[in-house]
Amino acid sequence: MNSIPKFASVVHEVADAADANELYQRNGWTDGLPIVAPTEEAVARFLAAAQLDAATVIGVEPVRRRSISAEKIAIAAVMAGCLPEYLPVVVAIVKAMCQPEYALHGSTASTGGSAPFIVVNGPVRLALGMNATHNVLANAARANATIGRSIRLFLLNVLGGIPGQLDRSTLGHPGKFTFCVAEDEEDSPWLPLSVERGVPAGVSAVTSLQVESPMQIMNEWTHDPREICDTYAAAMRSNMLLYSIWEGNYALVIAKQHREIFAAAGWTKQNIREYVFEKARVKRGDWRSVGKAAVAGRKDEGKVYCALRSPDDLLVVAAGGPAGGFGAILPPWYGKKSLAVTMPVGA
């Protein structure tokens, strides 16, 4: 760029990158990890890559009515270690999180300790080199790690999600550092998540959902898709008994070995959703078996609670390495109080 735009953010003069990191650590502006100093030049490069003006309002946090500018999102992306071309994805995530049904304020402030789980679909996954296979829920690609981390730094510095202050998480979980995956569209027999949720095929999109810590499952002893689904449903029932009974968006992350079993049986994502909807249920009296007799009460112990309001509440994501009969369930923060939102990149 020939010139640096006028920014609204305060400029701090430091000697070097090491001093910048110490400044951010002292002021609680980071997640505890080192950051890339968001210089004016760097922020300008990011905004230029996304063709955004610094003052452009990307969204408004619905409860406290805080306007979120492109400048602030770009600063978080620089800090997180993103490359400039990642910024349109980060912007789409923030837009999704600002939708009222997402409950951004409540999920950020809750003692429940949820984290945004982000799924990226479409051509942008390949353009940015995102990971959809080995170690997909952990460290495997710069784009996954830094895009997810930029959201945490945005929540911390723009919305005030400081642990012990606005963020009242009792425990939290590691996904609060970063929790971003690409869907393995090339090695999946199914429609991409974004297409199922209304985005045209071939259009890049993000889906964000507030989730609690993931629960990994394993079933390597069957080729019956129903029995595979029974294992996922059992993990969902466990969450209902041990954490929260409330129905809402759960996500299943299904790795290749299980996907191949489903594909061989001709099962689509919709078949999985319909089967799991019927199986992921508990009775009120079941709480007695997990130390929650006071919740079970003395009446209506036979009342049935469902994990999902309908089959469509279940998000099925194709991701994970090629070997092993593994998958994961990602439980919702607070049932239907916070719902998944899908947003096209560049919308």
Protein backbone atom coordinates (compact mmCIF):
# COMPACT_ATOMS: atom_id res chain seq x y z
CA MET A 1 0.00 0.00 0.00
CA ASN A 2 1.17 3.54 -0.67
CA SER A 3 -0.19 4.93 2.60
CA ILE A 4 -1.45 3.72 5.94
CA PRO A 5 -5.09 4.51 6.70
CA LYS A 6 -6.05 6.39 9.84
CA PHE A 7 -6.83 3.91 12.58
CA ALA A 8 -9.04 4.37 15.64
CA SER A 9 -6.91 2.15 17.88
CA VAL A 10 -4.29 3.56 20.23
CA VAL A 11 -0.69 3.26 19.01
CA HIS A 12 1.96 2.07 21.50
CA GLU A 13 5.63 2.72 20.89
CA VAL A 14 7.91 -0.23 21.79
CA ALA A 15 11.54 -1.07 21.16
CA ASP A 16 11.03 -4.38 19.37
CA ALA A 17 8.85 -7.48 19.03
CA ALA A 18 9.96 -8.83 22.42
CA ASP A 19 8.88 -5.62 24.13
CA ALA A 20 5.58 -5.73 22.25
CA ASN A 21 4.92 -9.21 23.63
CA GLU A 22 5.73 -8.14 27.17
CA LEU A 23 3.44 -5.13 26.82
CA TYR A 24 0.58 -7.38 25.71
CA GLN A 25 1.24 -9.88 28.48
CA ARG A 26 1.32 -7.18 31.17
CA ASN A 27 -1.95 -5.68 30.00
CA GLY A 28 -3.80 -9.00 29.60
CA TRP A 29 -4.27 -8.47 25.87
CA THR A 30 -3.26 -11.99 24.91
CA ASP A 31 -4.30 -15.55 25.66
CA GLY A 32 -1.02 -16.24 27.45
CA LEU A 33 0.82 -17.21 24.28
CA PRO A 34 3.17 -14.90 22.34
CA ILE A 35 1.60 -12.68 19.71
CA VAL A 36 2.63 -11.12 16.43
CA ALA A 37 2.84 -7.36 16.99
CA PRO A 38 -0.10 -5.71 15.13
CA THR A 39 1.79 -2.83 13.58
CA GLU A 40 -0.05 -0.26 11.53
CA GLU A 41 1.64 -1.61 8.41
CA ALA A 42 0.56 -5.19 9.13
CA VAL A 43 -3.04 -4.24 9.89
CA ALA A 44 -3.18 -2.19 6.68
CA ARG A 45 -1.96 -5.19 4.66
CA PHE A 46 -4.66 -7.41 6.12
CA LEU A 47 -7.43 -4.92 5.41
CA ALA A 48 -6.19 -4.45 1.86
CA ALA A 49 -6.18 -8.22 1.31
CA ALA A 50 -9.85 -8.36 2.35
CA GLN A 51 -10.72 -5.12 0.52
CA LEU A 52 -12.10 -3.61 3.72
CA ASP A 53 -11.91 -0.12 5.15
CA ALA A 54 -10.75 0.07 8.74
CA ALA A 55 -13.99 1.68 9.90
CA THR A 56 -16.32 -0.80 8.17
CA VAL A 57 -18.73 -2.25 10.73
CA ILE A 58 -18.64 -6.04 10.44
CA GLY A 59 -21.25 -6.74 13.07
CA VAL A 60 -22.88 -5.60 16.30
CA GLU A 61 -22.86 -7.70 19.47
CA PRO A 62 -26.60 -7.96 20.07
CA VAL A 63 -26.80 -7.61 23.87
CA ARG A 64 -24.40 -4.75 24.66
CA ARG A 65 -24.73 -3.27 21.17
CA ARG A 66 -20.98 -3.08 20.61
CA SER A 67 -20.07 -2.27 17.02
CA ILE A 68 -17.22 -4.38 15.68
CA SER A 69 -15.00 -2.76 13.07
CA ALA A 70 -12.87 -4.42 10.43
CA GLU A 71 -9.86 -2.75 12.03
CA LYS A 72 -10.36 -4.58 15.33
CA ILE A 73 -10.81 -7.94 13.61
CA ALA A 74 -7.68 -7.38 11.52
CA ILE A 75 -5.68 -6.57 14.66
CA ALA A 76 -6.78 -9.85 16.26
CA ALA A 77 -5.89 -11.78 13.11
CA VAL A 78 -2.41 -10.25 12.97
CA MET A 79 -1.86 -10.98 16.66
CA ALA A 80 -2.93 -14.61 16.21
CA GLY A 81 -0.33 -15.24 13.49
CA CYS A 82 -2.71 -15.30 10.51
CA LEU A 83 -1.66 -14.49 6.96
CA PRO A 84 -3.51 -11.59 5.28
CA GLU A 85 -5.47 -13.93 3.03
CA TYR A 86 -7.07 -15.54 6.11
CA LEU A 87 -8.91 -12.35 7.07
CA PRO A 88 -12.09 -12.90 4.96
CA VAL A 89 -12.65 -16.19 6.81
CA VAL A 90 -12.17 -14.52 10.19
CA VAL A 91 -14.59 -11.77 9.18
CA ALA A 92 -17.22 -14.34 8.15
CA ILE A 93 -16.89 -16.06 11.53
CA VAL A 94 -17.43 -12.80 13.39
CA LYS A 95 -20.49 -12.06 11.24
CA ALA A 96 -21.91 -15.47 12.10
CA MET A 97 -21.27 -14.97 15.82
CA CYS A 98 -23.10 -11.62 15.80
CA GLN A 99 -26.39 -13.22 14.73
CA PRO A 100 -28.90 -13.09 17.62
CA GLU A 101 -29.52 -16.86 17.67
CA TYR A 102 -25.83 -17.46 18.37
CA ALA A 103 -26.05 -15.78 21.82
CA LEU A 104 -22.53 -14.36 21.68
CA HIS A 105 -22.71 -12.48 24.97
CA GLY A 106 -24.26 -15.27 27.00
CA SER A 107 -21.95 -17.97 25.70
CA THR A 108 -18.90 -15.76 26.30
CA ALA A 109 -19.88 -14.82 29.85
CA SER A 110 -21.22 -18.18 31.06
CA THR A 111 -19.66 -20.28 33.80
CA GLY A 112 -20.15 -23.23 31.43
CA GLY A 113 -16.87 -22.51 29.65
CA SER A 114 -17.86 -23.07 26.04
CA ALA A 115 -15.72 -22.30 22.99
CA PRO A 116 -16.57 -21.44 19.38
CA PHE A 117 -16.21 -24.53 17.19
CA ILE A 118 -15.66 -23.42 13.60
CA VAL A 119 -16.09 -25.55 10.46
CA VAL A 120 -14.83 -24.18 7.14
CA ASN A 121 -16.24 -25.40 3.82
CA GLY A 122 -15.67 -24.68 0.16
CA PRO A 123 -12.68 -23.70 -2.00
CA VAL A 124 -11.14 -21.43 0.64
CA ARG A 125 -10.08 -24.53 2.63
CA LEU A 126 -7.72 -25.59 -0.12
CA ALA A 127 -6.57 -22.08 -0.96
CA LEU A 128 -5.46 -21.52 2.64
CA GLY A 129 -4.03 -25.01 3.17
CA MET A 130 -6.44 -25.90 5.95
CA ASN A 131 -6.31 -29.32 7.59
CA ALA A 132 -9.25 -31.71 7.47
CA THR A 133 -7.57 -35.04 8.26
CA HIS A 134 -4.78 -36.06 10.67
CA ASN A 135 -5.07 -34.58 14.17
CA VAL A 136 -7.92 -32.41 12.91
CA LEU A 137 -9.14 -31.26 16.34
CA ALA A 138 -5.63 -30.26 17.39
CA ASN A 139 -2.41 -28.85 15.90
CA ALA A 140 -1.87 -29.63 12.24
CA ALA A 141 -2.08 -26.46 10.13
CA ARG A 142 -1.28 -22.79 10.52
CA ALA A 143 -4.58 -21.68 9.03
CA ASN A 144 -6.70 -23.80 11.38
CA ALA A 145 -4.75 -22.75 14.45
CA THR A 146 -4.49 -19.03 13.76
CA ILE A 147 -8.00 -18.50 12.41
CA GLY A 148 -9.42 -20.11 15.54
CA ARG A 149 -7.04 -18.20 17.79
CA SER A 150 -7.94 -14.88 16.17
CA ILE A 151 -11.52 -15.41 17.40
CA ARG A 152 -10.30 -15.93 20.96
CA LEU A 153 -8.18 -12.76 20.82
CA PHE A 154 -11.13 -10.86 19.33
CA LEU A 155 -13.38 -12.02 22.18
CA LEU A 156 -10.73 -11.07 24.72
CA ASN A 157 -9.86 -7.60 23.47
CA VAL A 158 -12.91 -6.35 21.58
CA LEU A 159 -15.75 -7.81 23.67
CA GLY A 160 -13.91 -7.92 27.00
CA GLY A 161 -14.05 -11.70 27.42
CA ILE A 162 -11.37 -11.66 30.11
CA PRO A 163 -11.27 -14.74 32.38
CA GLY A 164 -12.56 -13.84 35.82
CA GLN A 165 -14.23 -10.69 34.49
CA LEU A 166 -16.78 -11.00 31.67
CA ASP A 167 -15.69 -14.59 30.99
CA ARG A 168 -16.84 -16.44 34.10
CA SER A 169 -15.87 -19.93 32.93
CA THR A 170 -15.42 -22.28 35.86
CA LEU A 171 -13.17 -24.68 33.94
CA GLY A 172 -13.19 -23.86 30.23
CA HIS A 173 -11.46 -26.30 27.89
CA PRO A 174 -8.52 -26.27 25.45
CA GLY A 175 -10.80 -25.33 22.56
CA LYS A 176 -10.86 -21.83 24.05
CA PHE A 177 -7.37 -21.31 22.60
CA THR A 178 -8.43 -22.34 19.10
CA PHE A 179 -11.04 -24.75 17.69
CA CYS A 180 -11.24 -24.58 13.91
CA VAL A 181 -11.40 -27.38 11.31
CA ALA A 182 -11.95 -27.78 7.60
CA GLU A 183 -14.41 -30.40 6.41
CA ASP A 184 -12.87 -33.24 4.38
CA GLU A 185 -15.06 -32.70 1.33
CA GLU A 186 -12.70 -34.47 -1.08
CA ASP A 187 -12.80 -37.76 0.83
CA SER A 188 -16.41 -37.71 1.96
CA PRO A 189 -19.44 -39.41 0.39
CA TRP A 190 -21.70 -36.68 1.73
CA LEU A 191 -22.79 -33.13 1.04
CA PRO A 192 -20.64 -30.53 2.80
CA LEU A 193 -22.05 -29.10 6.01
CA SER A 194 -22.46 -25.63 4.48
CA VAL A 195 -24.44 -26.99 1.52
CA GLU A 196 -26.77 -28.85 3.86
CA ARG A 197 -27.29 -25.57 5.68
CA GLY A 198 -28.29 -23.65 2.56
CA VAL A 199 -25.06 -22.30 1.05
CA PRO A 200 -24.69 -23.06 -2.69
CA ALA A 201 -22.18 -25.75 -3.64
CA GLY A 202 -18.78 -24.32 -4.48
CA VAL A 203 -19.21 -21.27 -2.23
CA SER A 204 -16.85 -20.95 0.73
CA ALA A 205 -18.54 -20.68 4.11
CA VAL A 206 -18.03 -21.00 7.85
CA THR A 207 -20.24 -22.53 10.51
CA SER A 208 -19.78 -21.55 14.15
CA LEU A 209 -21.26 -23.29 17.18
CA GLN A 210 -20.63 -22.79 20.89
CA VAL A 211 -19.57 -26.17 22.30
CA GLU A 212 -18.29 -27.78 25.45
CA SER A 213 -15.22 -30.04 25.42
CA PRO A 214 -15.32 -32.80 22.78
CA MET A 215 -15.79 -36.45 23.73
CA GLN A 216 -13.88 -38.93 21.56
CA ILE A 217 -15.55 -42.27 20.81
CA MET A 218 -14.27 -45.51 19.28
CA ASN A 219 -16.06 -48.43 17.67
CA GLU A 220 -13.94 -50.79 15.55
CA TRP A 221 -15.99 -53.94 16.08
CA THR A 222 -18.83 -53.59 13.60
CA HIS A 223 -19.73 -52.70 10.03
CA ASP A 224 -23.36 -52.05 10.93
CA PRO A 225 -24.05 -48.30 10.60
CA ARG A 226 -26.72 -48.56 13.28
CA GLU A 227 -24.23 -49.87 15.81
CA ILE A 228 -21.78 -47.10 14.91
CA CYS A 229 -24.54 -44.56 15.49
CA ASP A 230 -25.41 -46.26 18.78
CA THR A 231 -21.92 -45.42 20.03
CA TYR A 232 -22.24 -41.74 19.09
CA ALA A 233 -25.71 -41.61 20.65
CA ALA A 234 -24.40 -43.20 23.86
CA ALA A 235 -21.85 -40.39 24.18
CA MET A 236 -24.62 -37.85 23.71
CA ARG A 237 -26.71 -39.52 26.40
CA SER A 238 -23.70 -39.44 28.69
CA ASN A 239 -23.42 -35.69 28.15
CA MET A 240 -27.11 -35.29 28.93
CA LEU A 241 -26.69 -37.08 32.24
CA LEU A 242 -23.33 -35.69 33.30
CA TYR A 243 -23.50 -32.13 31.96
CA SER A 244 -26.70 -30.71 30.48
CA ILE A 245 -30.08 -32.16 29.61
CA TRP A 246 -31.05 -29.33 27.28
CA GLU A 247 -31.78 -30.09 23.64
CA GLY A 248 -30.00 -28.24 20.85
CA ASN A 249 -27.22 -28.41 18.27
CA TYR A 250 -24.78 -31.26 18.81
CA ALA A 251 -21.97 -31.85 16.32
CA LEU A 252 -20.58 -35.23 15.28
CA VAL A 253 -17.08 -35.32 13.79
CA ILE A 254 -16.79 -38.55 11.82
CA ALA A 255 -13.41 -39.80 10.62
CA LYS A 256 -12.81 -41.78 7.45
CA GLN A 257 -13.10 -45.35 8.76
CA HIS A 258 -16.61 -44.74 10.04
CA ARG A 259 -17.51 -42.73 6.94
CA GLU A 260 -16.58 -45.72 4.78
CA ILE A 261 -18.91 -47.95 6.77
CA PHE A 262 -21.76 -45.50 6.35
CA ALA A 263 -21.02 -45.09 2.64
CA ALA A 264 -20.95 -48.86 2.06
CA ALA A 265 -24.40 -49.09 3.61
CA GLY A 266 -25.69 -46.16 1.55
CA TRP A 267 -26.21 -43.97 4.61
CA THR A 268 -26.32 -40.19 4.15
CA LYS A 269 -25.87 -37.55 6.82
CA GLN A 270 -29.66 -37.36 7.00
CA ASN A 271 -29.88 -41.09 7.79
CA ILE A 272 -27.40 -40.57 10.63
CA ARG A 273 -29.34 -37.60 11.96
CA GLU A 274 -32.65 -39.45 11.94
CA TYR A 275 -31.25 -42.53 13.66
CA VAL A 276 -29.37 -40.59 16.34
CA PHE A 277 -32.42 -38.41 16.98
CA GLU A 278 -34.34 -41.51 18.07
CA LYS A 279 -31.50 -42.95 20.15
CA ALA A 280 -30.05 -39.93 21.97
CA ARG A 281 -32.64 -39.80 24.74
CA VAL A 282 -32.68 -40.30 28.49
CA LYS A 283 -35.34 -40.65 31.16
CA ARG A 284 -35.55 -38.31 34.10
CA GLY A 285 -35.01 -41.19 36.50
CA ASP A 286 -31.66 -42.00 34.86
CA TRP A 287 -30.13 -39.11 36.78
CA ARG A 288 -30.25 -41.26 39.92
CA SER A 289 -27.51 -43.47 38.48
CA VAL A 290 -25.06 -40.54 38.19
CA GLY A 291 -25.47 -38.95 41.61
CA LYS A 292 -28.21 -36.50 40.65
CA ALA A 293 -31.14 -37.92 42.58
CA ALA A 294 -32.18 -34.42 43.57
CA VAL A 295 -32.68 -33.60 39.90
CA ALA A 296 -34.52 -36.84 39.19
CA GLY A 297 -37.15 -35.98 41.78
CA ARG A 298 -39.91 -38.30 42.84
CA LYS A 299 -42.41 -37.71 40.02
CA ASP A 300 -42.31 -38.14 36.26
CA GLU A 301 -39.18 -40.30 36.43
CA GLY A 302 -40.24 -41.91 33.19
CA LYS A 303 -40.33 -38.59 31.31
CA VAL A 304 -38.15 -38.76 28.20
CA TYR A 305 -35.72 -35.99 27.24
CA CYS A 306 -34.25 -35.75 23.75
CA ALA A 307 -30.77 -34.43 22.92
CA LEU A 308 -32.14 -32.87 19.72
CA ARG A 309 -35.29 -30.91 18.97
CA SER A 310 -35.38 -32.58 15.56
CA PRO A 311 -32.90 -34.52 13.39
CA ASP A 312 -31.83 -31.23 11.79
CA ASP A 313 -30.29 -30.09 15.10
CA LEU A 314 -27.43 -32.54 14.54
CA LEU A 315 -24.40 -31.21 12.63
CA VAL A 316 -22.47 -34.03 10.93
CA VAL A 317 -18.91 -33.10 9.94
CA ALA A 318 -16.61 -35.28 7.84
CA ALA A 319 -13.11 -34.81 9.24
CA GLY A 320 -10.25 -36.80 10.73
CA GLY A 321 -7.43 -39.12 9.73
CA PRO A 322 -7.80 -42.24 7.59
CA ALA A 323 -7.06 -44.91 10.22
CA GLY A 324 -9.00 -45.93 13.30
CA GLY A 325 -12.68 -46.28 14.14
CA PHE A 326 -12.82 -42.93 15.85
CA GLY A 327 -15.15 -39.97 15.99
CA ALA A 328 -16.21 -37.29 18.44
CA ILE A 329 -19.30 -35.60 19.76
CA LEU A 330 -19.26 -31.89 20.54
CA PRO A 331 -22.04 -30.97 22.98
CA PRO A 332 -23.79 -27.60 22.89
CA TRP A 333 -23.16 -24.95 25.50
CA TYR A 334 -26.77 -24.41 26.57
CA GLY A 335 -29.03 -26.32 24.24
CA LYS A 336 -31.22 -24.17 22.03
CA LYS A 337 -30.18 -20.97 23.84
CA SER A 338 -27.25 -20.77 21.40
CA LEU A 339 -27.58 -22.17 17.88
CA ALA A 340 -25.13 -22.84 15.06
CA VAL A 341 -24.86 -20.17 12.39
CA THR A 342 -23.51 -20.62 8.85
CA MET A 343 -22.16 -17.62 6.93
CA PRO A 344 -20.70 -17.46 3.40
CA VAL A 345 -17.17 -16.07 3.21
CA GLY A 346 -17.31 -12.64 1.62
CA ALA A 347 -21.02 -12.20 2.33
